[in-house]
PDB file of N, CA and C in Angstrom:
ATOM      1  N   MET A   1      74.903  99.002  81.056  1.00  0.00           N
ATOM      2  CA  MET A   1      75.730  98.743  82.009  1.00  0.00           C
ATOM      3  C   MET A   1      74.660  97.566  82.757  1.00  0.00           C
ATOM      4  N   ASN A   2      75.108  96.646  83.274  1.00  0.00           N
ATOM      5  CA  ASN A   2      74.303  95.602  84.233  1.00  0.00           C
ATOM      6  C   ASN A   2      75.663  95.272  85.238  1.00  0.00           C
ATOM      7  N   THR A   3      74.704  94.783  86.269  1.00  0.00           N
ATOM      8  CA  THR A   3      75.385  94.102  87.389  1.00  0.00           C
ATOM      9  C   THR A   3      75.223  92.597  87.599  1.00  0.00           C
ATOM     10  N   ILE A   4      75.953  92.214  88.652  1.00  0.00           N
ATOM     11  CA  ILE A   4      75.935  90.786  88.902  1.00  0.00           C
ATOM     12  C   ILE A   4      76.133  90.735  90.619  1.00  0.00           C
ATOM     13  N   THR A   5      75.123  90.571  91.132  1.00  0.00           N
ATOM     14  CA  THR A   5      75.675  90.424  92.690  1.00  0.00           C
ATOM     15  C   THR A   5      75.784  88.991  93.427  1.00  0.00           C
ATOM     16  N   THR A   6      77.037  88.842  94.011  1.00  0.00           N
ATOM     17  CA  THR A   6      77.111  87.492  94.707  1.00  0.00           C
ATOM     18  C   THR A   6      77.412  87.640  96.173  1.00  0.00           C
ATOM     19  N   LEU A   7      76.655  86.933  96.827  1.00  0.00           N
ATOM     20  CA  LEU A   7      76.875  86.942  98.407  1.00  0.00           C
ATOM     21  C   LEU A   7      78.028  85.747  98.792  1.00  0.00           C
ATOM     22  N   ASN A   8      78.908  86.221 100.083  1.00  0.00           N
ATOM     23  CA  ASN A   8      79.422  85.185 100.642  1.00  0.00           C
ATOM     24  C   ASN A   8      79.403  85.638 102.178  1.00  0.00           C
ATOM     25  N   GLY A   9      78.376  85.068 102.921  1.00  0.00           N
ATOM     26  CA  GLY A   9      78.459  85.228 104.063  1.00  0.00           C
ATOM     27  C   GLY A   9      77.976  86.709 104.320  1.00  0.00           C
ATOM     28  N   THR A  10      78.521  87.620 104.985  1.00  0.00           N
ATOM     29  CA  THR A  10      78.358  88.990 105.447  1.00  0.00           C
ATOM     30  C   THR A  10      78.755  89.697 104.442  1.00  0.00           C
ATOM     31  N   THR A  11      79.638  89.448 103.260  1.00  0.00           N
ATOM     32  CA  THR A  11      80.134  90.163 102.199  1.00  0.00           C
ATOM     33  C   THR A  11      79.438  89.981 101.026  1.00  0.00           C
ATOM     34  N   ALA A  12      78.957  91.014 100.405  1.00  0.00           N
ATOM     35  CA  ALA A  12      78.493  90.936  98.761  1.00  0.00           C
ATOM     36  C   ALA A  12      79.466  91.524  97.991  1.00  0.00           C
ATOM     37  N   THR A  13      79.621  91.033  96.781  1.00  0.00           N
ATOM     38  CA  THR A  13      80.165  91.494  95.657  1.00  0.00           C
ATOM     39  C   THR A  13      79.370  91.930  94.627  1.00  0.00           C
ATOM     40  N   ILE A  14      79.215  93.149  94.073  1.00  0.00           N
ATOM     41  CA  ILE A  14      78.637  93.618  92.961  1.00  0.00           C
ATOM     42  C   ILE A  14      79.567  94.074  91.689  1.00  0.00           C
ATOM     43  N   THR A  15      79.229  93.371  90.786  1.00  0.00           N
ATOM     44  CA  THR A  15      80.380  93.116  89.556  1.00  0.00           C
ATOM     45  C   THR A  15      79.557  94.073  88.792  1.00  0.00           C
ATOM     46  N   VAL A  16      80.333  95.081  88.233  1.00  0.00           N
ATOM     47  CA  VAL A  16      79.518  96.067  87.306  1.00  0.00           C
ATOM     48  C   VAL A  16      80.409  95.925  85.888  1.00  0.00           C
ATOM     49  N   ARG A  17      79.352  95.967  84.820  1.00  0.00           N
ATOM     50  CA  ARG A  17      79.621  95.570  83.529  1.00  0.00           C
ATOM     51  C   ARG A  17      79.190  96.923  82.673  1.00  0.00           C
ATOM     52  N   GLY A  18      80.372  97.852  82.474  1.00  0.00           N
ATOM     53  CA  GLY A  18      79.992  98.888  81.723  1.00  0.00           C
ATOM     54  C   GLY A  18      80.616 100.499  82.567  1.00  0.00           C
ATOM     55  N   ASP A  19      80.329 101.327  81.890  1.00  0.00           N
ATOM     56  CA  ASP A  19      81.093 102.928  82.602  1.00  0.00           C
ATOM     57  C   ASP A  19      79.975 103.154  83.746  1.00  0.00           C
ATOM     58  N   ILE A  20      80.644 103.859  84.718  1.00  0.00           N
ATOM     59  CA  ILE A  20      79.979 104.573  85.843  1.00  0.00           C
ATOM     60  C   ILE A  20      79.853 105.895  85.528  1.00  0.00           C
ATOM     61  N   ASP A  21      78.749 106.330  85.557  1.00  0.00           N
ATOM     62  CA  ASP A  21      78.459 107.984  85.445  1.00  0.00           C
ATOM     63  C   ASP A  21      76.840 108.215  86.079  1.00  0.00           C
ATOM     64  N   PHE A  22      76.625 109.260  85.652  1.00  0.00           N
ATOM     65  CA  PHE A  22      75.361 109.753  86.372  1.00  0.00           C
ATOM     66  C   PHE A  22      74.066 109.008  86.133  1.00  0.00           C
ATOM     67  N   ASP A  23      74.252 108.813  84.708  1.00  0.00           N
ATOM     68  CA  ASP A  23      72.805 107.618  84.406  1.00  0.00           C
ATOM     69  C   ASP A  23      73.035 106.610  84.909  1.00  0.00           C
ATOM     70  N   THR A  24      74.107 105.915  85.198  1.00  0.00           N
ATOM     71  CA  THR A  24      73.950 104.366  85.900  1.00  0.00           C
ATOM     72  C   THR A  24      74.302 104.462  87.358  1.00  0.00           C
ATOM     73  N   LEU A  25      74.491 105.622  87.876  1.00  0.00           N
ATOM     74  CA  LEU A  25      74.368 105.764  89.506  1.00  0.00           C
ATOM     75  C   LEU A  25      73.211 105.495  90.144  1.00  0.00           C
ATOM     76  N   PRO A  26      72.009 105.597  89.575  1.00  0.00           N
ATOM     77  CA  PRO A  26      70.740 105.330  90.528  1.00  0.00           C
ATOM     78  C   PRO A  26      70.843 103.707  90.467  1.00  0.00           C
ATOM     79  N   ALA A  27      70.883 102.853  89.314  1.00  0.00           N
ATOM     80  CA  ALA A  27      70.866 101.583  89.366  1.00  0.00           C
ATOM     81  C   ALA A  27      72.132 101.006  90.380  1.00  0.00           C
ATOM     82  N   LEU A  28      73.370 101.437  90.169  1.00  0.00           N
ATOM     83  CA  LEU A  28      74.130 100.946  91.407  1.00  0.00           C
ATOM     84  C   LEU A  28      73.807 101.139  92.796  1.00  0.00           C
ATOM     85  N   ARG A  29      73.270 102.569  92.925  1.00  0.00           N
ATOM     86  CA  ARG A  29      72.939 102.441  94.533  1.00  0.00           C
ATOM     87  C   ARG A  29      71.673 101.669  94.728  1.00  0.00           C
ATOM     88  N   ALA A  30      70.650 101.318  94.000  1.00  0.00           N
ATOM     89  CA  ALA A  30      69.814 100.631  94.232  1.00  0.00           C
ATOM     90  C   ALA A  30      70.240  99.309  94.596  1.00  0.00           C
ATOM     91  N   ALA A  31      71.292  98.778  93.557  1.00  0.00           N
ATOM     92  CA  ALA A  31      71.880  97.192  93.495  1.00  0.00           C
ATOM     93  C   ALA A  31      72.418  97.357  95.565  1.00  0.00           C
ATOM     94  N   ALA A  32      73.079  98.189  95.754  1.00  0.00           N
ATOM     95  CA  ALA A  32      73.873  98.179  97.222  1.00  0.00           C
ATOM     96  C   ALA A  32      72.630  98.436  98.010  1.00  0.00           C
ATOM     97  N   ALA A  33      71.620  99.148  97.844  1.00  0.00           N
ATOM     98  CA  ALA A  33      70.502  99.325  99.050  1.00  0.00           C
ATOM     99  C   ALA A  33      69.625  98.167  99.158  1.00  0.00           C
ATOM    100  N   ALA A  34      69.640  97.045  98.016  1.00  0.00           N
ATOM    101  CA  ALA A  34      69.116  96.158  98.053  1.00  0.00           C
ATOM    102  C   ALA A  34      69.741  94.805  98.744  1.00  0.00           C
ATOM    103  N   LEU A  35      70.848  94.846  99.043  1.00  0.00           N
ATOM    104  CA  LEU A  35      71.605  93.889  99.743  1.00  0.00           C
ATOM    105  C   LEU A  35      70.893  93.660 101.128  1.00  0.00           C
ATOM    106  N   PRO A  36      70.850  92.411 101.757  1.00  0.00           N
ATOM    107  CA  PRO A  36      70.371  92.083 102.935  1.00  0.00           C
ATOM    108  C   PRO A  36      70.943  92.749 104.080  1.00  0.00           C
ATOM    109  N   ALA A  37      70.278  93.126 104.766  1.00  0.00           N
ATOM    110  CA  ALA A  37      70.655  93.481 106.333  1.00  0.00           C
ATOM    111  C   ALA A  37      71.887  93.091 106.652  1.00  0.00           C
ATOM    112  N   PRO A  38      72.183  91.940 107.062  1.00  0.00           N
ATOM    113  CA  PRO A  38      73.651  91.098 107.615  1.00  0.00           C
ATOM    114  C   PRO A  38      74.794  91.386 106.804  1.00  0.00           C
ATOM    115  N   VAL A  39      74.728  91.846 105.626  1.00  0.00           N
ATOM    116  CA  VAL A  39      75.986  92.312 104.745  1.00  0.00           C
ATOM    117  C   VAL A  39      76.663  93.598 105.294  1.00  0.00           C
ATOM    118  N   THR A  40      77.622  93.384 105.824  1.00  0.00           N
ATOM    119  CA  THR A  40      78.192  94.406 106.244  1.00  0.00           C
ATOM    120  C   THR A  40      79.722  94.876 105.583  1.00  0.00           C
ATOM    121  N   GLY A  41      79.802  93.954 104.217  1.00  0.00           N
ATOM    122  CA  GLY A  41      80.715  94.402 103.529  1.00  0.00           C
ATOM    123  C   GLY A  41      80.598  94.325 102.219  1.00  0.00           C
ATOM    124  N   LEU A  42      80.871  95.318 101.235  1.00  0.00           N
ATOM    125  CA  LEU A  42      80.540  95.582 100.129  1.00  0.00           C
ATOM    126  C   LEU A  42      81.718  95.696  99.077  1.00  0.00           C
ATOM    127  N   ARG A  43      81.993  94.817  98.144  1.00  0.00           N
ATOM    128  CA  ARG A  43      82.949  95.013  97.550  1.00  0.00           C
ATOM    129  C   ARG A  43      82.552  95.272  95.769  1.00  0.00           C
ATOM    130  N   TRP A  44      82.808  96.332  95.086  1.00  0.00           N
ATOM    131  CA  TRP A  44      82.435  96.549  93.896  1.00  0.00           C
ATOM    132  C   TRP A  44      83.649  96.234  93.254  1.00  0.00           C
ATOM    133  N   ASP A  45      83.448  95.290  92.339  1.00  0.00           N
ATOM    134  CA  ASP A  45      84.271  94.711  91.312  1.00  0.00           C
ATOM    135  C   ASP A  45      84.453  95.469  89.797  1.00  0.00           C
ATOM    136  N   LEU A  46      85.281  96.178  89.729  1.00  0.00           N
ATOM    137  CA  LEU A  46      85.207  96.779  88.533  1.00  0.00           C
ATOM    138  C   LEU A  46      86.233  96.428  87.273  1.00  0.00           C
ATOM    139  N   ASN A  47      86.482  95.199  87.094  1.00  0.00           N
ATOM    140  CA  ASN A  47      87.051  94.660  86.130  1.00  0.00           C
ATOM    141  C   ASN A  47      86.518  94.876  85.018  1.00  0.00           C
ATOM    142  N   HIS A  48      85.449  95.188  84.910  1.00  0.00           N
ATOM    143  CA  HIS A  48      84.911  95.631  83.245  1.00  0.00           C
ATOM    144  C   HIS A  48      84.125  96.905  83.162  1.00  0.00           C
ATOM    145  N   THR A  49      84.565  97.511  83.756  1.00  0.00           N
ATOM    146  CA  THR A  49      84.660  99.147  83.926  1.00  0.00           C
ATOM    147  C   THR A  49      85.921 100.055  83.675  1.00  0.00           C
ATOM    148  N   LEU A  50      85.751 100.677  82.177  1.00  0.00           N
ATOM    149  CA  LEU A  50      86.839 101.275  81.538  1.00  0.00           C
ATOM    150  C   LEU A  50      86.670 102.637  82.077  1.00  0.00           C
ATOM    151  N   PHE A  51      85.379 103.271  82.249  1.00  0.00           N
ATOM    152  CA  PHE A  51      85.567 104.442  82.624  1.00  0.00           C
ATOM    153  C   PHE A  51      84.448 104.837  83.495  1.00  0.00           C
ATOM    154  N   MET A  52      84.688 105.798  84.498  1.00  0.00           N
ATOM    155  CA  MET A  52      84.121 106.031  85.605  1.00  0.00           C
ATOM    156  C   MET A  52      84.163 107.783  85.853  1.00  0.00           C
ATOM    157  N   ASP A  53      83.253 108.519  85.731  1.00  0.00           N
ATOM    158  CA  ASP A  53      83.300 109.585  86.057  1.00  0.00           C
ATOM    159  C   ASP A  53      83.193 110.194  87.584  1.00  0.00           C
ATOM    160  N   ILE A  54      82.847 111.645  88.101  1.00  0.00           N
ATOM    161  CA  ILE A  54      82.840 111.798  89.246  1.00  0.00           C
ATOM    162  C   ILE A  54      81.511 110.866  89.894  1.00  0.00           C
ATOM    163  N   ALA A  55      80.439 110.483  89.614  1.00  0.00           N
ATOM    164  CA  ALA A  55      79.473 109.689  90.019  1.00  0.00           C
ATOM    165  C   ALA A  55      80.201 108.606  90.435  1.00  0.00           C
ATOM    166  N   GLY A  56      81.184 107.990  90.370  1.00  0.00           N
ATOM    167  CA  GLY A  56      82.070 106.834  90.975  1.00  0.00           C
ATOM    168  C   GLY A  56      82.436 107.301  92.116  1.00  0.00           C
ATOM    169  N   LEU A  57      82.906 108.354  92.432  1.00  0.00           N
ATOM    170  CA  LEU A  57      83.192 108.957  93.484  1.00  0.00           C
ATOM    171  C   LEU A  57      81.887 109.008  94.671  1.00  0.00           C
ATOM    172  N   HIS A  58      81.065 109.227  94.322  1.00  0.00           N
ATOM    173  CA  HIS A  58      79.507 109.634  94.768  1.00  0.00           C
ATOM    174  C   HIS A  58      79.346 108.050  95.493  1.00  0.00           C
ATOM    175  N   LEU A  59      79.210 106.869  94.284  1.00  0.00           N
ATOM    176  CA  LEU A  59      79.239 105.532  94.697  1.00  0.00           C
ATOM    177  C   LEU A  59      79.833 105.018  95.640  1.00  0.00           C
ATOM    178  N   LEU A  60      81.149 105.424  95.627  1.00  0.00           N
ATOM    179  CA  LEU A  60      82.345 104.394  96.403  1.00  0.00           C
ATOM    180  C   LEU A  60      82.276 105.063  97.760  1.00  0.00           C
ATOM    181  N   PHE A  61      82.204 106.316  97.714  1.00  0.00           N
ATOM    182  CA  PHE A  61      82.619 107.216  98.981  1.00  0.00           C
ATOM    183  C   PHE A  61      81.166 107.669 100.122  1.00  0.00           C
ATOM    184  N   ALA A  62      80.209 107.763  99.539  1.00  0.00           N
ATOM    185  CA  ALA A  62      78.811 108.172 100.221  1.00  0.00           C
ATOM    186  C   ALA A  62      78.180 106.856 100.574  1.00  0.00           C
ATOM    187  N   PRO A  63      78.250 106.449 101.909  1.00  0.00           N
ATOM    188  CA  PRO A  63      77.347 105.392 101.910  1.00  0.00           C
ATOM    189  C   PRO A  63      75.929 105.011 101.978  1.00  0.00           C
ATOM    190  N   THR A  64      75.856 104.175 101.771  1.00  0.00           N
ATOM    191  CA  THR A  64      74.415 103.427 101.492  1.00  0.00           C
ATOM    192  C   THR A  64      73.282 104.083 102.284  1.00  0.00           C
ATOM    193  N   PRO A  65      72.121 104.916 102.287  1.00  0.00           N
ATOM    194  CA  PRO A  65      71.589 105.652 103.318  1.00  0.00           C
ATOM    195  C   PRO A  65      71.174 104.115 104.156  1.00  0.00           C
ATOM    196  N   GLY A  66      71.242 104.609 105.666  1.00  0.00           N
ATOM    197  CA  GLY A  66      70.751 103.572 106.607  1.00  0.00           C
ATOM    198  C   GLY A  66      71.879 102.664 106.917  1.00  0.00           C
ATOM    199  N   ARG A  67      73.357 102.582 105.906  1.00  0.00           N
ATOM    200  CA  ARG A  67      74.276 101.465 105.911  1.00  0.00           C
ATOM    201  C   ARG A  67      75.586 102.126 106.238  1.00  0.00           C
ATOM    202  N   ALA A  68      75.657 103.166 107.013  1.00  0.00           N
ATOM    203  CA  ALA A  68      77.262 104.015 107.356  1.00  0.00           C
ATOM    204  C   ALA A  68      78.195 103.009 107.520  1.00  0.00           C
ATOM    205  N   ASP A  69      77.656 101.961 108.341  1.00  0.00           N
ATOM    206  CA  ASP A  69      78.381 100.793 109.082  1.00  0.00           C
ATOM    207  C   ASP A  69      79.303 100.033 107.989  1.00  0.00           C
ATOM    208  N   ARG A  70      78.518  99.990 106.579  1.00  0.00           N
ATOM    209  CA  ARG A  70      79.103  98.935 105.864  1.00  0.00           C
ATOM    210  C   ARG A  70      80.519  99.461 105.159  1.00  0.00           C
ATOM    211  N   ARG A  71      81.387  98.266 105.062  1.00  0.00           N
ATOM    212  CA  ARG A  71      82.774  98.450 104.708  1.00  0.00           C
ATOM    213  C   ARG A  71      82.556  98.123 103.334  1.00  0.00           C
ATOM    214  N   ILE A  72      83.098  99.414 102.265  1.00  0.00           N
ATOM    215  CA  ILE A  72      83.040  99.455 100.801  1.00  0.00           C
ATOM    216  C   ILE A  72      84.710  99.375 100.481  1.00  0.00           C
ATOM    217  N   THR A  73      84.711  98.464  99.601  1.00  0.00           N
ATOM    218  CA  THR A  73      86.030  98.237  99.044  1.00  0.00           C
ATOM    219  C   THR A  73      85.896  98.107  97.386  1.00  0.00           C
ATOM    220  N   VAL A  74      86.842  98.243  96.704  1.00  0.00           N
ATOM    221  CA  VAL A  74      86.765  98.192  95.071  1.00  0.00           C
ATOM    222  C   VAL A  74      87.958  97.243  94.635  1.00  0.00           C
ATOM    223  N   THR A  75      87.975  96.313  93.795  1.00  0.00           N
ATOM    224  CA  THR A  75      88.681  95.563  93.143  1.00  0.00           C
ATOM    225  C   THR A  75      88.646  95.798  91.475  1.00  0.00           C
ATOM    226  N   GLY A  76      89.409  95.406  91.058  1.00  0.00           N
ATOM    227  CA  GLY A  76      89.785  95.244  89.337  1.00  0.00           C
ATOM    228  C   GLY A  76      89.867  97.000  88.736  1.00  0.00           C
ATOM    229  N   LEU A  77      90.488  97.811  89.076  1.00  0.00           N
ATOM    230  CA  LEU A  77      90.353  98.933  88.813  1.00  0.00           C
ATOM    231  C   LEU A  77      91.339  98.808  87.412  1.00  0.00           C
ATOM    232  N   HIS A  78      90.644  99.726  86.227  1.00  0.00           N
ATOM    233  CA  HIS A  78      91.698  99.892  85.206  1.00  0.00           C
ATOM    234  C   HIS A  78      92.263 101.248  85.605  1.00  0.00           C
ATOM    235  N   ALA A  79      92.883 101.904  84.320  1.00  0.00           N
ATOM    236  CA  ALA A  79      93.442 102.953  84.555  1.00  0.00           C
ATOM    237  C   ALA A  79      92.993 104.504  84.670  1.00  0.00           C
ATOM    238  N   GLN A  80      91.906 104.598  83.653  1.00  0.00           N
ATOM    239  CA  GLN A  80      91.168 105.778  84.010  1.00  0.00           C
ATOM    240  C   GLN A  80      90.410 105.781  85.599  1.00  0.00           C
ATOM    241  N   PRO A  81      89.648 104.910  85.930  1.00  0.00           N
ATOM    242  CA  PRO A  81      89.132 104.860  86.978  1.00  0.00           C
ATOM    243  C   PRO A  81      90.211 105.213  88.320  1.00  0.00           C
ATOM    244  N   LEU A  82      91.180 104.271  87.902  1.00  0.00           N
ATOM    245  CA  LEU A  82      92.289 104.669  89.135  1.00  0.00           C
ATOM    246  C   LEU A  82      92.592 105.895  89.163  1.00  0.00           C
ATOM    247  N   ARG A  83      93.108 106.605  88.237  1.00  0.00           N
ATOM    248  CA  ARG A  83      93.412 107.568  87.892  1.00  0.00           C
ATOM    249  C   ARG A  83      92.723 108.682  88.529  1.00  0.00           C
ATOM    250  N   LEU A  84      91.115 108.462  88.436  1.00  0.00           N
ATOM    251  CA  LEU A  84      90.272 109.507  89.127  1.00  0.00           C
ATOM    252  C   LEU A  84      90.035 109.214  90.694  1.00  0.00           C
ATOM    253  N   LEU A  85      90.368 108.143  90.983  1.00  0.00           N
ATOM    254  CA  LEU A  85      90.513 107.708  92.589  1.00  0.00           C
ATOM    255  C   LEU A  85      91.671 108.314  93.200  1.00  0.00           C
ATOM    256  N   ARG A  86      92.794 108.549  92.306  1.00  0.00           N
ATOM    257  CA  ARG A  86      94.286 109.111  92.960  1.00  0.00           C
ATOM    258  C   ARG A  86      94.019 110.429  93.137  1.00  0.00           C
ATOM    259  N   LEU A  87      93.553 111.111  91.986  1.00  0.00           N
ATOM    260  CA  LEU A  87      93.422 112.216  91.816  1.00  0.00           C
ATOM    261  C   LEU A  87      92.607 113.033  93.038  1.00  0.00           C
ATOM    262  N   ALA A  88      91.219 112.395  93.207  1.00  0.00           N
ATOM    263  CA  ALA A  88      90.210 112.884  94.180  1.00  0.00           C
ATOM    264  C   ALA A  88      91.024 112.499  95.988  1.00  0.00           C
ATOM    265  N   ALA A  89      91.729 111.313  95.661  1.00  0.00           N
ATOM    266  CA  ALA A  89      92.675 111.291  97.103  1.00  0.00           C
ATOM    267  C   ALA A  89      93.738 112.228  97.617  1.00  0.00           C
ATOM    268  N   GLU A  90      94.352 112.674  96.298  1.00  0.00           N
ATOM    269  CA  GLU A  90      95.505 113.858  96.182  1.00  0.00           C
ATOM    270  C   GLU A  90      94.642 115.067  96.688  1.00  0.00           C
ATOM    271  N   THR A  91      93.919 115.493  96.109  1.00  0.00           N
ATOM    272  CA  THR A  91      93.194 116.596  96.260  1.00  0.00           C
ATOM    273  C   THR A  91      92.594 116.940  97.659  1.00  0.00           C
ATOM    274  N   ASN A  92      91.785 115.662  98.336  1.00  0.00           N
ATOM    275  CA  ASN A  92      91.245 115.768  99.541  1.00  0.00           C
ATOM    276  C   ASN A  92      91.308 114.159 100.251  1.00  0.00           C
ATOM    277  N   PRO A  93      92.149 114.078 100.783  1.00  0.00           N
ATOM    278  CA  PRO A  93      92.512 112.677 101.561  1.00  0.00           C
ATOM    279  C   PRO A  93      91.645 112.215 102.358  1.00  0.00           C
ATOM    280  N   ALA A  94      91.067 113.146 103.270  1.00  0.00           N
ATOM    281  CA  ALA A  94      90.176 113.025 104.221  1.00  0.00           C
ATOM    282  C   ALA A  94      88.572 112.673 103.614  1.00  0.00           C
ATOM    283  N   THR A  95      88.280 113.140 102.762  1.00  0.00           N
ATOM    284  CA  THR A  95      87.180 112.774 102.171  1.00  0.00           C
ATOM    285  C   THR A  95      87.117 111.330 101.105  1.00  0.00           C
ATOM    286  N   PHE A  96      88.360 111.547 100.586  1.00  0.00           N
ATOM    287  CA  PHE A  96      88.655 110.276  99.684  1.00  0.00           C
ATOM    288  C   PHE A  96      89.920 109.372 100.057  1.00  0.00           C
ATOM    289  N   PRO A  97      89.378 108.783 100.938  1.00  0.00           N
ATOM    290  CA  PRO A  97      90.717 107.826 101.669  1.00  0.00           C
ATOM    291  C   PRO A  97      90.790 106.518 100.640  1.00  0.00           C
ATOM    292  N   LEU A  98      91.821 106.653  99.877  1.00  0.00           N
ATOM    293  CA  LEU A  98      91.860 105.729  98.984  1.00  0.00           C
ATOM    294  C   LEU A  98      92.292 104.347  99.434  1.00  0.00           C
ATOM    295  N   ASP A  99      93.249 104.495 100.541  1.00  0.00           N
ATOM    296  CA  ASP A  99      93.611 103.233 101.375  1.00  0.00           C
ATOM    297  C   ASP A  99      92.902 102.550 101.815  1.00  0.00           C
ATOM    298  N   ARG A 100      91.797 102.944 102.365  1.00  0.00           N
ATOM    299  CA  ARG A 100      90.358 102.362 103.032  1.00  0.00           C
ATOM    300  C   ARG A 100      89.693 101.615 101.754  1.00  0.00           C
ATOM    301  N   LEU A 101      89.969 101.932 100.577  1.00  0.00           N
ATOM    302  CA  LEU A 101      88.675 101.729  99.544  1.00  0.00           C
ATOM    303  C   LEU A 101      89.645 100.559  98.733  1.00  0.00           C
ATOM    304  N   LEU A 102      90.863 100.418  98.617  1.00  0.00           N
ATOM    305  CA  LEU A 102      91.565  99.559  97.882  1.00  0.00           C
ATOM    306  C   LEU A 102      91.606  98.098  98.758  1.00  0.00           C
ATOM    307  N   CYS A 103      91.171  97.024  98.056  1.00  0.00           N
ATOM    308  CA  CYS A 103      91.244  95.775  98.392  1.00  0.00           C
ATOM    309  C   CYS A 103      92.451  94.812  97.945  1.00  0.00           C
ATOM    310  N   ASP A 104      92.778  95.448  96.416  1.00  0.00           N
ATOM    311  CA  ASP A 104      93.810  94.810  95.901  1.00  0.00           C
ATOM    312  C   ASP A 104      95.104  95.072  95.990  1.00  0.00           C
ATOM    313  N   ALA A 105      95.927  93.739  96.468  1.00  0.00           N
ATOM    314  CA  ALA A 105      97.412  94.261  96.787  1.00  0.00           C
ATOM    315  C   ALA A 105      98.255  95.315  95.774  1.00  0.00           C
ATOM    316  N   THR A 106      97.874  95.106  94.564  1.00  0.00           N
ATOM    317  CA  THR A 106      98.522  96.262  93.352  1.00  0.00           C
ATOM    318  C   THR A 106      97.484  96.396  92.529  1.00  0.00           C
ATOM    319  N   ALA A 107      96.979  97.471  92.025  1.00  0.00           N
ATOM    320  CA  ALA A 107      95.828  97.803  91.103  1.00  0.00           C
ATOM    321  C   ALA A 107      96.405  97.834  89.782  1.00  0.00           C
ATOM    322  N   PRO A 108      95.835  97.279  88.817  1.00  0.00           N
ATOM    323  CA  PRO A 108      96.315  97.595  87.380  1.00  0.00           C
ATOM    324  C   PRO A 108      96.266  99.164  87.046  1.00  0.00           C
ATOM    325  N   VAL A 109      97.337  99.273  86.259  1.00  0.00           N
ATOM    326  CA  VAL A 109      97.448 100.772  85.707  1.00  0.00           C
ATOM    327  C   VAL A 109      97.218 100.773  84.137  1.00  0.00           C
TER     328      VAL A 109
END
């Protein structure tokens, strides 16, 4: 797994290449934590992520420590990560507000 971070004003995009699981979660959290203070929007680009386990829920729905105000969105969801997010949202919509997270008009299935 590797990441590419791009900044555009107050928005950062972190492109993930590889699976998201508990082995990769610390590096992904570190990438988010390393963003400059003025960044108020974080987009996770998952175009190159075919698999995500529950660690992805922790990454996408738990705010970066000290940055609870940062808006998190996701783009490029493939079938398996999208299924996981939909299942989590159906099970507990208050904890996993999928509509807040998605920035694509339509996510791939």
